[in-house]
Amino acid sequence: MTTINIIGVVMLIGSVLGYGALFLWVLTEDKRKARKEGAQWNNRNSSRSR
């Protein structure tokens, strides 16, 4: 493999890992917020459905 291909693969893997970590971090943050604001969201959803 040429150096360009190696650099491309490394950048690709790095970007995938970076986006994966960011995605997981966002999910955990959303779960934390949902736990704190769970009651409020339930009230809003129930009022809308009714």
N, C-alpha and C. Protein backbone atom coordinates (compact mmCIF):
# COMPACT_ATOMS: atom_id res chain seq x y z
N MET A 1 0.84 -1.20 0.00
CA MET A 1 0.00 0.00 0.00
C MET A 1 0.88 1.26 0.00
N THR A 2 0.43 2.27 -0.67
CA THR A 2 1.19 3.52 -0.69
C THR A 2 0.89 4.33 0.57
N THR A 3 1.71 5.34 0.81
CA THR A 3 1.49 6.16 2.01
C THR A 3 0.15 6.87 1.95
N ILE A 4 -0.30 7.24 0.76
CA ILE A 4 -1.59 7.93 0.62
C ILE A 4 -2.72 7.00 1.05
N ASN A 5 -2.65 5.74 0.62
CA ASN A 5 -3.70 4.80 1.00
C ASN A 5 -3.69 4.57 2.51
N ILE A 6 -2.50 4.45 3.09
CA ILE A 6 -2.41 4.22 4.54
C ILE A 6 -3.00 5.42 5.29
N ILE A 7 -2.65 6.62 4.85
CA ILE A 7 -3.18 7.83 5.51
C ILE A 7 -4.70 7.87 5.37
N GLY A 8 -5.20 7.52 4.20
CA GLY A 8 -6.64 7.53 3.98
C GLY A 8 -7.35 6.55 4.89
N VAL A 9 -6.79 5.34 5.02
CA VAL A 9 -7.41 4.33 5.88
C VAL A 9 -7.38 4.79 7.33
N VAL A 10 -6.25 5.36 7.75
CA VAL A 10 -6.14 5.82 9.14
C VAL A 10 -7.16 6.93 9.41
N MET A 11 -7.28 7.86 8.47
CA MET A 11 -8.26 8.94 8.64
C MET A 11 -9.68 8.39 8.66
N LEU A 12 -9.96 7.41 7.81
CA LEU A 12 -11.29 6.83 7.76
C LEU A 12 -11.63 6.16 9.08
N ILE A 13 -10.69 5.34 9.58
CA ILE A 13 -10.93 4.64 10.86
C ILE A 13 -11.08 5.66 11.99
N GLY A 14 -10.22 6.69 11.98
CA GLY A 14 -10.29 7.70 13.03
C GLY A 14 -11.62 8.43 13.01
N SER A 15 -12.09 8.77 11.81
CA SER A 15 -13.37 9.49 11.71
C SER A 15 -14.52 8.60 12.17
N VAL A 16 -14.49 7.32 11.80
CA VAL A 16 -15.56 6.40 12.21
C VAL A 16 -15.57 6.26 13.73
N LEU A 17 -14.38 6.09 14.32
CA LEU A 17 -14.32 5.96 15.78
C LEU A 17 -14.78 7.26 16.44
N GLY A 18 -14.38 8.38 15.87
CA GLY A 18 -14.76 9.67 16.44
C GLY A 18 -16.27 9.87 16.41
N TYR A 19 -16.88 9.59 15.25
CA TYR A 19 -18.33 9.75 15.14
C TYR A 19 -19.05 8.75 16.04
N GLY A 20 -18.52 7.53 16.15
CA GLY A 20 -19.13 6.52 17.02
C GLY A 20 -19.11 6.97 18.47
N ALA A 21 -17.95 7.49 18.90
CA ALA A 21 -17.83 7.95 20.29
C ALA A 21 -18.77 9.13 20.53
N LEU A 22 -18.83 10.06 19.56
CA LEU A 22 -19.71 11.22 19.70
C LEU A 22 -21.17 10.78 19.76
N PHE A 23 -21.53 9.79 18.91
CA PHE A 23 -22.91 9.30 18.88
C PHE A 23 -23.28 8.66 20.22
N LEU A 24 -22.36 7.82 20.75
CA LEU A 24 -22.63 7.18 22.04
C LEU A 24 -22.73 8.23 23.14
N TRP A 25 -21.86 9.26 23.09
CA TRP A 25 -21.89 10.31 24.11
C TRP A 25 -23.21 11.06 24.06
N VAL A 26 -23.70 11.34 22.86
CA VAL A 26 -24.98 12.05 22.72
C VAL A 26 -26.11 11.19 23.27
N LEU A 27 -26.06 9.88 23.01
CA LEU A 27 -27.11 9.00 23.52
C LEU A 27 -27.12 9.01 25.05
N THR A 28 -25.93 8.92 25.66
CA THR A 28 -25.87 8.91 27.12
C THR A 28 -26.36 10.24 27.67
N GLU A 29 -25.99 11.35 27.02
CA GLU A 29 -26.44 12.67 27.48
C GLU A 29 -27.96 12.77 27.38
N ASP A 30 -28.54 12.25 26.28
CA ASP A 30 -29.99 12.30 26.12
C ASP A 30 -30.67 11.48 27.21
N LYS A 31 -30.11 10.33 27.55
CA LYS A 31 -30.70 9.49 28.60
C LYS A 31 -30.66 10.22 29.93
N ARG A 32 -29.54 10.91 30.22
CA ARG A 32 -29.45 11.64 31.48
C ARG A 32 -30.48 12.75 31.53
N LYS A 33 -30.63 13.48 30.43
CA LYS A 33 -31.61 14.57 30.38
C LYS A 33 -33.03 13.99 30.49
N ALA A 34 -33.27 12.86 29.83
CA ALA A 34 -34.60 12.26 29.86
C ALA A 34 -34.95 11.85 31.28
N ARG A 35 -33.97 11.35 32.03
CA ARG A 35 -34.24 10.96 33.42
C ARG A 35 -34.62 12.17 34.25
N LYS A 36 -33.92 13.30 34.01
CA LYS A 36 -34.20 14.50 34.79
C LYS A 36 -35.55 15.10 34.39
N GLU A 37 -35.83 15.14 33.08
CA GLU A 37 -37.03 15.81 32.58
C GLU A 37 -38.11 14.80 32.18
N GLY A 38 -38.02 13.59 32.68
CA GLY A 38 -38.96 12.55 32.29
C GLY A 38 -40.39 12.93 32.62
N ALA A 39 -40.61 13.47 33.83
CA ALA A 39 -41.97 13.81 34.24
C ALA A 39 -42.55 14.88 33.33
N GLN A 40 -41.75 15.89 33.00
CA GLN A 40 -42.26 16.96 32.15
C GLN A 40 -42.66 16.43 30.78
N TRP A 41 -41.80 15.58 30.19
CA TRP A 41 -42.11 15.06 28.85
C TRP A 41 -43.37 14.20 28.90
N ASN A 42 -43.54 13.40 29.97
CA ASN A 42 -44.72 12.55 30.06
C ASN A 42 -45.98 13.41 30.13
N ASN A 43 -45.93 14.48 30.88
CA ASN A 43 -47.10 15.37 30.98
C ASN A 43 -47.42 15.99 29.63
N ARG A 44 -46.40 16.42 28.89
CA ARG A 44 -46.63 17.04 27.59
C ARG A 44 -47.24 16.04 26.62
N ASN A 45 -46.66 14.82 26.60
CA ASN A 45 -47.15 13.82 25.65
C ASN A 45 -48.58 13.41 25.98
N SER A 46 -48.90 13.23 27.25
CA SER A 46 -50.25 12.82 27.63
C SER A 46 -51.25 13.92 27.26
N SER A 47 -50.88 15.18 27.48
CA SER A 47 -51.81 16.27 27.16
C SER A 47 -52.04 16.34 25.65
N ARG A 48 -50.99 16.10 24.85
CA ARG A 48 -51.15 16.15 23.40
C ARG A 48 -52.04 15.01 22.91
N SER A 49 -51.82 13.81 23.47
CA SER A 49 -52.60 12.66 23.01
C SER A 49 -54.07 12.86 23.35
N ARG A 50 -54.36 13.47 24.49
CA ARG A 50 -55.74 13.70 24.88
C ARG A 50 -56.33 14.82 24.05
